[in-house]
């Protein structure tokens, strides 16, 4: 599954890859201020993400990224010190994609099934931009382990989105119980979605339907929730 037809480009914006969410361009060594410079940085980040998704860490070099982005290697090094700083920008953009998709989920007045459909669609949308990227960032990058911080700003913000979704669905102010339920939902949903991405199975309709059913059952009235 490719992202060539996806209306949301990677540069427009996973709970296991915790890192502070910032403007992806904040990871650059030189801040792009003009539109042309910002477009160059976006093109480099997009090209790097495509290569990591398609070819993994073993196929990721700054020369290949520059060639794919249509820029000189000198231009790439104007903005990124090395390929690790470029990976940081790619990671931040990947995480922000997921945050943006979840921010669009509205839970007020929905049935459990309707909310489940929206949550699953949001997570699949974010991971379909570059389906192979998340497993590479999680498993192959030498610095990946150092990025797994369950107390990071990103993790806190990401889980708070789930807690708010649960609270809105229950038509009440957020509570510790909603935070727990949100964390359970996050772990369940992301576990399935991340494994599907690793298996190139994000377009598996049966997987999607079963995940929707799982979420809907968890959220249904009468379920023993916190």
N, C-alpha and C. Protein backbone atom coordinates (compact mmCIF):
# COMPACT_ATOMS: atom_id res chain seq x y z
N UNK A 1 0.86 -1.19 0.00
CA UNK A 1 0.00 0.00 0.00
C UNK A 1 0.89 1.23 0.00
N UNK A 2 0.74 2.13 -0.92
CA UNK A 2 1.57 3.31 -1.00
C UNK A 2 0.78 4.54 -0.64
N UNK A 3 1.50 5.66 -0.52
CA UNK A 3 0.84 6.89 -0.15
C UNK A 3 0.75 7.86 -1.30
N UNK A 4 0.99 7.39 -2.51
CA UNK A 4 1.03 8.30 -3.65
C UNK A 4 -0.29 9.02 -3.87
N UNK A 5 -1.40 8.38 -3.47
CA UNK A 5 -2.70 9.00 -3.68
C UNK A 5 -3.27 9.58 -2.39
N UNK A 6 -2.51 9.51 -1.30
CA UNK A 6 -2.99 10.00 -0.03
C UNK A 6 -3.02 11.51 -0.05
N UNK A 7 -4.16 12.14 0.26
CA UNK A 7 -4.25 13.59 0.21
C UNK A 7 -3.45 14.27 1.30
N UNK A 8 -3.05 13.53 2.33
CA UNK A 8 -2.29 14.11 3.41
C UNK A 8 -0.82 13.78 3.19
N UNK A 9 -0.03 14.74 2.76
CA UNK A 9 1.38 14.47 2.52
C UNK A 9 2.09 14.31 3.84
N UNK A 10 3.24 13.64 3.80
CA UNK A 10 3.96 13.35 5.02
C UNK A 10 4.39 14.63 5.72
N UNK A 11 4.71 15.64 4.95
CA UNK A 11 5.19 16.88 5.57
C UNK A 11 4.08 17.67 6.23
N UNK A 12 2.81 17.29 6.05
CA UNK A 12 1.73 17.93 6.78
C UNK A 12 1.74 17.42 8.23
N UNK A 13 2.18 16.67 8.52
CA UNK A 13 2.17 16.14 9.83
C UNK A 13 2.45 15.00 9.52
N UNK A 14 2.92 6.45 17.96
CA UNK A 14 2.89 6.09 17.91
C UNK A 14 3.52 5.93 19.25
N UNK A 15 2.65 5.69 19.74
CA UNK A 15 2.88 5.81 21.17
C UNK A 15 4.15 5.11 21.63
N UNK A 16 4.68 4.16 20.86
CA UNK A 16 5.88 3.46 21.27
C UNK A 16 7.14 4.22 20.87
N UNK A 17 7.00 5.35 20.16
CA UNK A 17 8.16 6.11 19.71
C UNK A 17 8.11 7.50 20.33
N UNK A 18 8.19 7.55 21.62
CA UNK A 18 7.95 8.80 22.30
C UNK A 18 9.08 9.79 22.09
N UNK A 19 8.70 11.02 21.76
CA UNK A 19 9.64 12.11 21.60
C UNK A 19 8.86 13.40 21.67
N UNK A 20 9.48 14.44 22.13
CA UNK A 20 8.80 15.72 22.22
C UNK A 20 8.29 16.13 20.85
N UNK A 21 7.01 16.50 20.77
CA UNK A 21 6.42 16.95 19.51
C UNK A 21 6.75 18.41 19.30
N UNK A 22 7.39 18.69 18.21
CA UNK A 22 7.75 20.05 17.84
C UNK A 22 7.50 20.21 16.35
N UNK A 23 7.76 21.41 15.86
CA UNK A 23 7.83 21.59 14.42
C UNK A 23 8.96 20.71 13.92
N UNK A 24 8.72 19.83 12.92
CA UNK A 24 9.80 18.99 12.42
C UNK A 24 11.03 19.79 12.01
N UNK A 25 10.81 21.02 11.59
CA UNK A 25 11.95 21.82 11.14
C UNK A 25 12.79 22.31 12.32
N UNK A 26 12.29 22.12 13.56
CA UNK A 26 13.09 22.49 14.72
C UNK A 26 14.29 21.57 14.88
N UNK A 27 14.26 20.40 14.22
CA UNK A 27 15.37 19.47 14.30
C UNK A 27 16.49 19.83 13.34
N UNK A 28 16.30 20.83 12.52
CA UNK A 28 17.29 21.19 11.52
C UNK A 28 18.39 22.04 12.14
N UNK A 29 19.59 22.02 11.51
CA UNK A 29 20.71 22.82 12.02
C UNK A 29 20.59 24.27 11.60
N UNK A 30 19.86 24.53 10.54
CA UNK A 30 19.63 25.89 10.05
C UNK A 30 18.13 26.07 9.90
N UNK A 31 17.58 27.07 10.55
CA UNK A 31 16.14 27.28 10.51
C UNK A 31 15.71 27.83 9.15
N UNK A 32 14.85 27.11 8.43
CA UNK A 32 14.37 27.61 7.13
C UNK A 32 13.33 28.71 7.33
N UNK A 33 13.62 29.88 6.82
CA UNK A 33 12.71 31.01 7.05
C UNK A 33 11.92 31.39 5.81
N UNK A 34 12.47 31.19 4.66
CA UNK A 34 11.76 31.52 3.43
C UNK A 34 10.97 30.32 2.95
N UNK A 35 9.97 30.59 2.14
CA UNK A 35 9.10 29.51 1.64
C UNK A 35 9.91 28.47 0.87
N UNK A 36 10.87 28.93 0.08
CA UNK A 36 11.67 27.99 -0.70
C UNK A 36 12.50 27.09 0.21
N UNK A 37 13.07 27.67 1.27
CA UNK A 37 13.85 26.87 2.21
C UNK A 37 12.97 25.86 2.94
N UNK A 38 11.79 26.29 3.35
CA UNK A 38 10.88 25.37 4.03
C UNK A 38 10.47 24.24 3.10
N UNK A 39 10.25 24.57 1.83
CA UNK A 39 9.88 23.53 0.86
C UNK A 39 11.02 22.54 0.68
N UNK A 40 12.26 23.03 0.71
CA UNK A 40 13.41 22.16 0.58
C UNK A 40 13.48 21.19 1.76
N UNK A 41 13.31 21.72 2.96
CA UNK A 41 13.34 20.86 4.14
C UNK A 41 12.21 19.83 4.09
N UNK A 42 11.02 20.27 3.73
CA UNK A 42 9.90 19.34 3.61
C UNK A 42 10.20 18.23 2.61
N UNK A 43 10.80 18.60 1.48
CA UNK A 43 11.12 17.62 0.44
C UNK A 43 12.15 16.62 0.95
N UNK A 44 13.12 17.08 1.72
CA UNK A 44 14.14 16.19 2.26
C UNK A 44 13.53 15.23 3.27
N UNK A 45 12.67 15.75 4.16
CA UNK A 45 12.02 14.89 5.15
C UNK A 45 11.13 13.86 4.47
N UNK A 46 10.38 14.30 3.48
CA UNK A 46 9.51 13.37 2.74
C UNK A 46 10.31 12.30 2.04
N UNK A 47 11.40 12.68 1.38
CA UNK A 47 12.23 11.71 0.68
C UNK A 47 12.85 10.72 1.66
N UNK A 48 13.33 11.22 2.78
CA UNK A 48 13.90 10.33 3.78
C UNK A 48 12.88 9.35 4.33
N UNK A 49 11.67 9.82 4.58
CA UNK A 49 10.62 8.94 5.08
C UNK A 49 10.28 7.84 4.08
N UNK A 50 10.23 8.21 2.81
CA UNK A 50 9.93 7.21 1.77
C UNK A 50 11.02 6.13 1.72
N UNK A 51 12.25 6.55 1.79
CA UNK A 51 13.35 5.58 1.72
C UNK A 51 13.34 4.67 2.94
N UNK A 52 13.15 5.23 4.13
CA UNK A 52 13.08 4.39 5.33
C UNK A 52 11.92 3.42 5.24
N UNK A 53 10.78 3.89 4.76
CA UNK A 53 9.60 3.04 4.64
C UNK A 53 9.81 1.92 3.64
N UNK A 54 10.40 2.25 2.50
CA UNK A 54 10.54 1.28 1.41
C UNK A 54 11.75 0.36 1.58
N UNK A 55 12.87 0.92 2.07
CA UNK A 55 14.14 0.18 2.05
C UNK A 55 14.76 -0.03 3.42
N UNK A 56 14.17 0.54 4.45
CA UNK A 56 14.70 0.34 5.79
C UNK A 56 15.97 1.13 6.06
N UNK A 57 16.49 0.94 7.27
CA UNK A 57 17.69 1.66 7.69
C UNK A 57 18.89 1.31 6.82
N UNK A 58 18.95 0.06 6.36
CA UNK A 58 20.10 -0.36 5.55
C UNK A 58 20.18 0.40 4.24
N UNK A 59 19.04 0.85 3.71
CA UNK A 59 19.05 1.57 2.44
C UNK A 59 19.03 3.08 2.59
N UNK A 60 19.18 3.55 3.81
CA UNK A 60 19.03 4.98 4.10
C UNK A 60 20.39 5.66 4.13
N UNK A 61 20.66 6.51 3.14
CA UNK A 61 21.87 7.32 3.13
C UNK A 61 21.50 8.75 2.76
N UNK A 62 22.31 9.69 3.18
CA UNK A 62 22.01 11.09 2.85
C UNK A 62 22.11 11.33 1.36
N UNK A 63 23.00 10.62 0.68
CA UNK A 63 23.10 10.78 -0.78
C UNK A 63 21.82 10.34 -1.47
N UNK A 64 21.26 9.22 -1.03
CA UNK A 64 20.02 8.74 -1.63
C UNK A 64 18.87 9.69 -1.32
N UNK A 65 18.84 10.19 -0.09
CA UNK A 65 17.78 11.12 0.27
C UNK A 65 17.85 12.38 -0.57
N UNK A 66 19.05 12.93 -0.73
CA UNK A 66 19.21 14.15 -1.53
C UNK A 66 18.77 13.91 -2.96
N UNK A 67 19.16 12.77 -3.50
CA UNK A 67 18.78 12.46 -4.88
C UNK A 67 17.27 12.33 -5.01
N UNK A 68 16.64 11.63 -4.08
CA UNK A 68 15.19 11.45 -4.12
C UNK A 68 14.47 12.80 -3.94
N UNK A 69 15.03 13.67 -3.12
CA UNK A 69 14.40 14.96 -2.86
C UNK A 69 14.65 15.97 -3.97
N UNK A 70 15.60 15.66 -4.85
CA UNK A 70 15.91 16.58 -5.94
C UNK A 70 16.72 17.77 -5.49
N UNK A 71 17.56 17.56 -4.47
CA UNK A 71 18.42 18.64 -3.99
C UNK A 71 19.86 18.14 -3.97
N UNK A 72 20.80 19.07 -3.84
CA UNK A 72 22.20 18.68 -3.75
C UNK A 72 22.50 18.18 -2.35
N UNK A 73 23.55 17.36 -2.22
CA UNK A 73 23.93 16.88 -0.91
C UNK A 73 24.34 18.04 -0.01
N UNK A 74 24.92 19.09 -0.63
CA UNK A 74 25.27 20.28 0.14
C UNK A 74 24.06 20.95 0.73
N UNK A 75 22.96 20.99 -0.03
CA UNK A 75 21.73 21.59 0.48
C UNK A 75 21.19 20.78 1.66
N UNK A 76 21.28 19.47 1.56
CA UNK A 76 20.82 18.63 2.67
C UNK A 76 21.61 18.95 3.94
N UNK A 77 22.94 19.05 3.80
CA UNK A 77 23.77 19.28 4.98
C UNK A 77 23.67 20.71 5.50
N UNK A 78 23.08 21.60 4.71
CA UNK A 78 22.78 22.92 5.24
C UNK A 78 21.78 22.84 6.39
N UNK A 79 20.87 21.86 6.29
CA UNK A 79 19.77 21.77 7.24
C UNK A 79 19.91 20.62 8.23
N UNK A 80 20.64 19.58 7.86
CA UNK A 80 20.76 18.41 8.73
C UNK A 80 22.23 18.05 8.90
N UNK A 81 22.63 17.93 10.15
CA UNK A 81 24.04 17.66 10.45
C UNK A 81 24.48 16.30 9.96
N UNK A 82 23.60 15.32 10.10
CA UNK A 82 23.89 13.96 9.67
C UNK A 82 22.58 13.22 9.49
N UNK A 83 22.65 11.94 9.18
CA UNK A 83 21.41 11.22 8.91
C UNK A 83 20.60 10.97 10.18
N UNK A 84 21.25 11.02 11.33
CA UNK A 84 20.51 10.84 12.58
C UNK A 84 19.64 12.06 12.89
N UNK A 85 20.16 13.26 12.61
CA UNK A 85 19.33 14.45 12.81
C UNK A 85 18.18 14.47 11.82
N UNK A 86 18.40 13.95 10.62
CA UNK A 86 17.32 13.84 9.65
C UNK A 86 16.27 12.84 10.14
N UNK A 87 16.71 11.73 10.70
CA UNK A 87 15.77 10.75 11.25
C UNK A 87 14.94 11.37 12.37
N UNK A 88 15.57 12.22 13.19
CA UNK A 88 14.81 12.90 14.24
C UNK A 88 13.66 13.71 13.66
N UNK A 89 13.94 14.43 12.57
CA UNK A 89 12.89 15.24 11.93
C UNK A 89 11.81 14.34 11.33
N UNK A 90 12.21 13.24 10.74
CA UNK A 90 11.25 12.29 10.18
C UNK A 90 10.38 11.71 11.30
N UNK A 91 11.00 11.36 12.41
CA UNK A 91 10.26 10.80 13.54
C UNK A 91 9.25 11.81 14.08
N UNK A 92 9.68 13.05 14.24
CA UNK A 92 8.77 14.07 14.75
C UNK A 92 7.57 14.26 13.82
N UNK A 93 7.83 14.23 12.52
CA UNK A 93 6.74 14.40 11.57
C UNK A 93 5.79 13.21 11.61
N UNK A 94 6.35 12.02 11.72
CA UNK A 94 5.54 10.81 11.82
C UNK A 94 4.62 10.88 13.05
N UNK A 95 5.18 11.27 14.17
CA UNK A 95 4.38 11.35 15.38
C UNK A 95 3.31 12.43 15.27
N UNK A 96 3.66 13.56 14.67
CA UNK A 96 2.69 14.63 14.53
C UNK A 96 1.56 14.22 13.59
N UNK A 97 1.86 13.40 12.58
CA UNK A 97 0.79 12.87 11.73
C UNK A 97 -0.26 12.15 12.57
N UNK A 98 0.23 11.31 13.48
CA UNK A 98 -0.69 10.57 14.33
C UNK A 98 -1.48 11.46 15.25
N UNK A 99 -0.82 12.48 15.80
CA UNK A 99 -1.52 13.42 16.67
C UNK A 99 -2.59 14.18 15.91
N UNK A 100 -2.26 14.63 14.71
CA UNK A 100 -3.23 15.38 13.91
C UNK A 100 -4.46 14.54 13.61
N UNK A 101 -4.24 13.28 13.24
CA UNK A 101 -5.37 12.41 12.93
C UNK A 101 -6.26 12.20 14.15
N UNK A 102 -5.65 12.01 15.33
CA UNK A 102 -6.45 11.79 16.53
C UNK A 102 -7.16 13.06 16.97
N UNK A 103 -6.57 14.22 16.74
CA UNK A 103 -7.24 15.47 17.12
C UNK A 103 -8.54 15.66 16.34
N UNK A 104 -8.65 15.04 15.19
CA UNK A 104 -9.86 15.20 14.38
C UNK A 104 -11.00 14.27 14.83
N UNK A 105 -10.71 13.35 15.74
CA UNK A 105 -11.74 12.42 16.21
C UNK A 105 -12.67 13.15 17.18
N UNK A 106 -13.95 13.16 16.87
CA UNK A 106 -14.96 13.76 17.74
C UNK A 106 -15.85 12.65 18.27
N UNK A 107 -16.06 12.63 19.59
CA UNK A 107 -16.75 11.51 20.23
C UNK A 107 -18.14 11.85 20.74
N UNK A 108 -18.47 13.12 20.86
CA UNK A 108 -19.74 13.52 21.48
C UNK A 108 -20.92 13.02 20.65
N UNK A 109 -21.84 12.33 21.31
CA UNK A 109 -23.08 11.91 20.67
C UNK A 109 -22.97 10.69 19.79
N UNK A 110 -21.83 10.04 19.76
CA UNK A 110 -21.65 8.88 18.90
C UNK A 110 -22.01 7.58 19.63
N UNK A 111 -22.39 6.57 18.87
CA UNK A 111 -22.53 5.23 19.42
C UNK A 111 -21.13 4.63 19.57
N UNK A 112 -20.99 3.56 20.37
CA UNK A 112 -19.69 2.92 20.49
C UNK A 112 -19.11 2.49 19.14
N UNK A 113 -19.96 1.97 18.27
CA UNK A 113 -19.49 1.53 16.96
C UNK A 113 -19.02 2.72 16.12
N UNK A 114 -19.76 3.80 16.14
CA UNK A 114 -19.38 4.98 15.36
C UNK A 114 -18.05 5.54 15.84
N UNK A 115 -17.86 5.60 17.15
CA UNK A 115 -16.59 6.10 17.67
C UNK A 115 -15.45 5.15 17.32
N UNK A 116 -15.69 3.86 17.42
CA UNK A 116 -14.66 2.89 17.07
C UNK A 116 -14.23 3.04 15.62
N UNK A 117 -15.18 3.26 14.74
CA UNK A 117 -14.87 3.45 13.32
C UNK A 117 -13.95 4.66 13.15
N UNK A 118 -14.22 5.72 13.86
CA UNK A 118 -13.43 6.95 13.71
C UNK A 118 -12.02 6.78 14.27
N UNK A 119 -11.90 6.11 15.40
CA UNK A 119 -10.58 5.89 15.98
C UNK A 119 -9.72 5.04 15.05
N UNK A 120 -10.29 3.95 14.56
CA UNK A 120 -9.52 3.05 13.68
C UNK A 120 -9.15 3.77 12.39
N UNK A 121 -10.07 4.54 11.84
CA UNK A 121 -9.77 5.27 10.61
C UNK A 121 -8.63 6.26 10.82
N UNK A 122 -8.62 6.93 11.98
CA UNK A 122 -7.57 7.91 12.27
C UNK A 122 -6.21 7.24 12.37
N UNK A 123 -6.14 6.12 13.05
CA UNK A 123 -4.85 5.44 13.21
C UNK A 123 -4.37 4.84 11.90
N UNK A 124 -5.27 4.28 11.11
CA UNK A 124 -4.87 3.74 9.81
C UNK A 124 -4.44 4.86 8.88
N UNK A 125 -5.14 5.98 8.91
CA UNK A 125 -4.77 7.13 8.08
C UNK A 125 -3.33 7.55 8.36
N UNK A 126 -2.98 7.70 9.63
CA UNK A 126 -1.65 8.17 9.98
C UNK A 126 -0.57 7.18 9.55
N UNK A 127 -0.83 5.89 9.69
CA UNK A 127 0.18 4.89 9.37
C UNK A 127 0.19 4.49 7.90
N UNK A 128 -0.80 4.93 7.15
CA UNK A 128 -0.83 4.62 5.72
C UNK A 128 0.00 5.60 4.91
N UNK A 129 0.41 6.70 5.50
CA UNK A 129 1.19 7.69 4.75
C UNK A 129 2.49 7.06 4.29
N UNK A 130 3.19 6.37 5.19
CA UNK A 130 4.37 5.57 4.86
C UNK A 130 4.27 4.29 5.68
N UNK A 131 3.61 3.27 5.16
CA UNK A 131 3.28 2.09 5.96
C UNK A 131 4.47 1.39 6.60
N UNK A 132 5.62 1.40 5.94
CA UNK A 132 6.76 0.69 6.50
C UNK A 132 7.60 1.51 7.45
N UNK A 133 7.25 2.77 7.67
CA UNK A 133 8.11 3.66 8.44
C UNK A 133 8.15 3.33 9.92
N UNK A 134 6.99 3.12 10.52
CA UNK A 134 6.95 2.94 11.97
C UNK A 134 7.82 1.76 12.43
N UNK A 135 7.72 0.59 11.81
CA UNK A 135 8.57 -0.51 12.27
C UNK A 135 10.06 -0.19 12.16
N UNK A 136 10.45 0.54 11.13
CA UNK A 136 11.86 0.89 10.97
C UNK A 136 12.29 1.83 12.09
N UNK A 137 11.49 2.86 12.36
CA UNK A 137 11.83 3.79 13.42
C UNK A 137 11.89 3.09 14.78
N UNK A 138 11.04 2.11 14.97
CA UNK A 138 10.97 1.42 16.25
C UNK A 138 12.08 0.39 16.43
N UNK A 139 12.42 -0.32 15.36
CA UNK A 139 13.25 -1.51 15.50
C UNK A 139 14.64 -1.39 14.88
N UNK A 140 14.81 -0.57 13.84
CA UNK A 140 16.05 -0.62 13.09
C UNK A 140 17.03 0.53 13.36
N UNK A 141 16.51 1.68 13.72
CA UNK A 141 17.39 2.83 13.92
C UNK A 141 18.25 2.59 15.16
N UNK A 142 19.57 2.75 15.08
CA UNK A 142 20.42 2.48 16.25
C UNK A 142 20.05 3.27 17.49
N UNK A 143 19.51 4.46 17.33
CA UNK A 143 19.16 5.29 18.49
C UNK A 143 17.72 5.11 18.93
N UNK A 144 17.01 4.13 18.37
CA UNK A 144 15.58 4.00 18.65
C UNK A 144 15.29 3.75 20.12
N UNK A 145 16.08 2.90 20.75
CA UNK A 145 15.81 2.54 22.14
C UNK A 145 15.84 3.77 23.06
N UNK A 146 16.75 4.68 22.77
CA UNK A 146 16.87 5.87 23.60
C UNK A 146 15.65 6.78 23.48
N UNK A 147 14.87 6.60 22.40
CA UNK A 147 13.71 7.45 22.18
C UNK A 147 12.46 6.94 22.89
N UNK A 148 12.50 5.76 23.46
CA UNK A 148 11.31 5.20 24.09
C UNK A 148 11.21 5.69 25.52
N UNK A 149 10.46 6.74 25.71
CA UNK A 149 10.33 7.36 27.01
C UNK A 149 8.86 7.50 27.35
N UNK A 150 8.35 6.65 28.25
CA UNK A 150 6.91 6.68 28.55
C UNK A 150 6.46 7.95 29.26
N UNK A 151 7.40 8.77 29.73
CA UNK A 151 7.02 10.01 30.41
C UNK A 151 7.28 11.23 29.54
N UNK A 152 7.51 11.03 28.26
CA UNK A 152 7.83 12.15 27.37
C UNK A 152 6.62 13.06 27.18
N UNK A 153 6.89 14.27 26.72
CA UNK A 153 5.81 15.21 26.42
C UNK A 153 4.87 14.63 25.38
N UNK A 154 5.44 13.94 24.39
CA UNK A 154 4.60 13.36 23.34
C UNK A 154 3.66 12.31 23.94
N UNK A 155 4.22 11.41 24.75
CA UNK A 155 3.39 10.34 25.32
C UNK A 155 2.25 10.91 26.15
N UNK A 156 2.56 11.89 26.96
CA UNK A 156 1.53 12.52 27.80
C UNK A 156 0.44 13.16 26.94
N UNK A 157 0.87 13.89 25.90
CA UNK A 157 -0.10 14.56 25.04
C UNK A 157 -0.94 13.55 24.26
N UNK A 158 -0.28 12.50 23.77
CA UNK A 158 -0.98 11.49 22.99
C UNK A 158 -2.04 10.77 23.82
N UNK A 159 -1.66 10.35 25.03
CA UNK A 159 -2.61 9.65 25.87
C UNK A 159 -3.73 10.58 26.35
N UNK A 160 -3.43 11.86 26.49
CA UNK A 160 -4.47 12.79 26.90
C UNK A 160 -5.55 12.92 25.83
N UNK A 161 -5.17 12.74 24.55
CA UNK A 161 -6.17 12.77 23.49
C UNK A 161 -7.14 11.61 23.64
N UNK A 162 -6.62 10.43 23.95
CA UNK A 162 -7.49 9.27 24.16
C UNK A 162 -8.37 9.48 25.39
N UNK A 163 -7.79 10.04 26.47
CA UNK A 163 -8.58 10.28 27.68
C UNK A 163 -9.72 11.25 27.39
N UNK A 164 -9.44 12.27 26.61
CA UNK A 164 -10.48 13.25 26.27
C UNK A 164 -11.56 12.61 25.40
N UNK A 165 -11.16 11.77 24.47
CA UNK A 165 -12.13 11.07 23.63
C UNK A 165 -13.08 10.25 24.49
N UNK A 166 -12.51 9.52 25.46
CA UNK A 166 -13.35 8.69 26.35
C UNK A 166 -14.27 9.58 27.18
N UNK A 167 -13.75 10.67 27.74
CA UNK A 167 -14.57 11.56 28.56
C UNK A 167 -15.68 12.20 27.73
N UNK A 168 -15.35 12.64 26.52
CA UNK A 168 -16.38 13.23 25.66
C UNK A 168 -17.44 12.20 25.30
N UNK A 169 -17.01 10.99 25.04
CA UNK A 169 -17.97 9.93 24.71
C UNK A 169 -18.91 9.68 25.88
N UNK A 170 -18.38 9.77 27.11
CA UNK A 170 -19.18 9.55 28.30
C UNK A 170 -19.91 10.81 28.76
N UNK A 171 -19.74 11.90 28.00
CA UNK A 171 -20.42 13.18 28.28
C UNK A 171 -20.15 13.67 29.70
N UNK A 172 -18.87 13.74 30.03
CA UNK A 172 -18.50 14.22 31.36
C UNK A 172 -17.11 14.83 31.31
N UNK A 173 -16.77 15.52 32.39
CA UNK A 173 -15.42 16.05 32.53
C UNK A 173 -14.45 14.87 32.70
N UNK A 174 -13.24 15.07 32.24
CA UNK A 174 -12.27 13.99 32.34
C UNK A 174 -11.99 13.59 33.78
N UNK A 175 -11.70 12.30 33.98
CA UNK A 175 -11.43 11.77 35.31
C UNK A 175 -10.26 10.80 35.21
N UNK A 176 -9.68 10.40 36.34
CA UNK A 176 -8.62 9.38 36.30
C UNK A 176 -9.09 8.09 35.63
N UNK A 177 -10.36 7.76 35.81
CA UNK A 177 -10.89 6.55 35.17
C UNK A 177 -10.86 6.67 33.65
N UNK A 178 -11.16 7.86 33.13
CA UNK A 178 -11.11 8.07 31.69
C UNK A 178 -9.68 7.97 31.18
N UNK A 179 -8.73 8.44 31.99
CA UNK A 179 -7.32 8.34 31.60
C UNK A 179 -6.89 6.88 31.50
N UNK A 180 -7.35 6.07 32.45
CA UNK A 180 -7.02 4.64 32.41
C UNK A 180 -7.64 3.99 31.18
N UNK A 181 -8.92 4.28 30.94
CA UNK A 181 -9.59 3.71 29.78
C UNK A 181 -8.93 4.17 28.49
N UNK A 182 -8.51 5.43 28.44
CA UNK A 182 -7.83 5.94 27.26
C UNK A 182 -6.52 5.23 27.02
N UNK A 183 -5.79 4.95 28.09
CA UNK A 183 -4.52 4.25 27.94
C UNK A 183 -4.73 2.82 27.46
N UNK A 184 -5.76 2.16 27.98
CA UNK A 184 -6.07 0.80 27.52
C UNK A 184 -6.43 0.81 26.03
N UNK A 185 -7.27 1.78 25.63
CA UNK A 185 -7.62 1.90 24.22
C UNK A 185 -6.40 2.15 23.35
N UNK A 186 -5.54 3.06 23.80
CA UNK A 186 -4.34 3.38 23.04
C UNK A 186 -3.47 2.14 22.85
N UNK A 187 -3.23 1.42 23.93
CA UNK A 187 -2.37 0.24 23.83
C UNK A 187 -2.97 -0.82 22.92
N UNK A 188 -4.29 -1.02 23.04
CA UNK A 188 -4.94 -2.03 22.21
C UNK A 188 -4.93 -1.63 20.73
N UNK A 189 -5.33 -0.40 20.46
CA UNK A 189 -5.42 0.05 19.07
C UNK A 189 -4.04 0.11 18.43
N UNK A 190 -3.08 0.73 19.11
CA UNK A 190 -1.77 0.87 18.50
C UNK A 190 -1.05 -0.46 18.36
N UNK A 191 -1.28 -1.36 19.31
CA UNK A 191 -0.68 -2.68 19.16
C UNK A 191 -1.13 -3.36 17.88
N UNK A 192 -2.43 -3.32 17.60
CA UNK A 192 -2.95 -3.94 16.39
C UNK A 192 -2.48 -3.19 15.14
N UNK A 193 -2.55 -1.87 15.16
CA UNK A 193 -2.18 -1.08 13.98
C UNK A 193 -0.70 -1.19 13.69
N UNK A 194 0.14 -1.13 14.71
CA UNK A 194 1.57 -1.22 14.47
C UNK A 194 1.96 -2.60 13.93
N UNK A 195 1.34 -3.65 14.47
CA UNK A 195 1.62 -4.99 13.93
C UNK A 195 1.12 -5.11 12.50
N UNK A 196 -0.03 -4.53 12.21
CA UNK A 196 -0.54 -4.57 10.83
C UNK A 196 0.41 -3.84 9.89
N UNK A 197 0.94 -2.70 10.33
CA UNK A 197 1.90 -1.97 9.50
C UNK A 197 3.14 -2.81 9.26
N UNK A 198 3.62 -3.50 10.28
CA UNK A 198 4.81 -4.36 10.14
C UNK A 198 4.56 -5.49 9.16
N UNK A 199 3.32 -5.93 9.06
CA UNK A 199 2.97 -7.06 8.19
C UNK A 199 2.41 -6.61 6.85
N UNK A 200 2.47 -5.30 6.59
CA UNK A 200 1.91 -4.74 5.35
C UNK A 200 0.44 -5.11 5.20
N UNK A 201 -0.29 -5.04 6.31
CA UNK A 201 -1.69 -5.47 6.33
C UNK A 201 -2.64 -4.37 6.76
N UNK A 202 -2.26 -3.11 6.58
CA UNK A 202 -3.13 -2.02 6.99
C UNK A 202 -4.43 -1.97 6.19
N UNK A 203 -4.41 -2.55 4.99
CA UNK A 203 -5.61 -2.55 4.16
C UNK A 203 -6.44 -3.82 4.34
N UNK A 204 -6.15 -4.60 5.38
CA UNK A 204 -6.88 -5.83 5.66
C UNK A 204 -8.24 -5.46 6.27
N UNK A 205 -9.30 -5.62 5.51
CA UNK A 205 -10.64 -5.23 5.97
C UNK A 205 -11.08 -6.04 7.18
N UNK A 206 -10.74 -7.31 7.22
CA UNK A 206 -11.15 -8.14 8.36
C UNK A 206 -10.47 -7.66 9.64
N UNK A 207 -9.20 -7.32 9.54
CA UNK A 207 -8.50 -6.77 10.70
C UNK A 207 -9.19 -5.51 11.19
N UNK A 208 -9.50 -4.62 10.25
CA UNK A 208 -10.15 -3.36 10.60
C UNK A 208 -11.49 -3.62 11.30
N UNK A 209 -12.29 -4.53 10.76
CA UNK A 209 -13.60 -4.81 11.32
C UNK A 209 -13.50 -5.42 12.73
N UNK A 210 -12.53 -6.30 12.91
CA UNK A 210 -12.35 -6.93 14.22
C UNK A 210 -11.87 -5.91 15.25
N UNK A 211 -10.99 -4.99 14.84
CA UNK A 211 -10.53 -3.97 15.76
C UNK A 211 -11.67 -3.02 16.14
N UNK A 212 -12.49 -2.67 15.18
CA UNK A 212 -13.67 -1.85 15.47
C UNK A 212 -14.58 -2.56 16.46
N UNK A 213 -14.78 -3.84 16.26
CA UNK A 213 -15.65 -4.60 17.17
C UNK A 213 -15.06 -4.64 18.58
N UNK A 214 -13.75 -4.81 18.67
CA UNK A 214 -13.09 -4.83 19.97
C UNK A 214 -13.29 -3.52 20.72
N UNK A 215 -13.08 -2.41 20.03
CA UNK A 215 -13.24 -1.09 20.66
C UNK A 215 -14.70 -0.85 21.06
N UNK A 216 -15.61 -1.17 20.15
CA UNK A 216 -17.03 -0.94 20.41
C UNK A 216 -17.51 -1.74 21.62
N UNK A 217 -17.06 -2.98 21.74
CA UNK A 217 -17.44 -3.79 22.89
C UNK A 217 -16.89 -3.20 24.18
N UNK A 218 -15.68 -2.70 24.13
CA UNK A 218 -15.07 -2.10 25.31
C UNK A 218 -15.82 -0.86 25.77
N UNK A 219 -16.31 -0.09 24.80
CA UNK A 219 -16.98 1.18 25.10
C UNK A 219 -18.49 1.02 25.33
N UNK A 220 -19.03 -0.14 25.06
CA UNK A 220 -20.48 -0.30 25.13
C UNK A 220 -21.01 -0.18 26.55
N UNK A 221 -22.21 0.39 26.71
CA UNK A 221 -22.83 0.47 28.04
C UNK A 221 -22.96 -0.91 28.65
N UNK A 222 -22.70 -1.00 29.94
CA UNK A 222 -22.78 -2.29 30.62
C UNK A 222 -21.46 -2.99 30.70
N UNK A 223 -20.48 -2.53 29.88
CA UNK A 223 -19.15 -3.12 29.97
C UNK A 223 -18.52 -2.66 31.30
N UNK A 224 -17.82 -3.55 31.95
CA UNK A 224 -17.24 -3.22 33.25
C UNK A 224 -15.98 -2.38 33.06
N UNK A 225 -16.20 -1.08 32.93
CA UNK A 225 -15.10 -0.13 32.74
C UNK A 225 -14.86 0.65 34.02
N UNK A 226 -13.69 1.32 34.10
CA UNK A 226 -13.44 2.15 35.30
C UNK A 226 -14.50 3.23 35.43
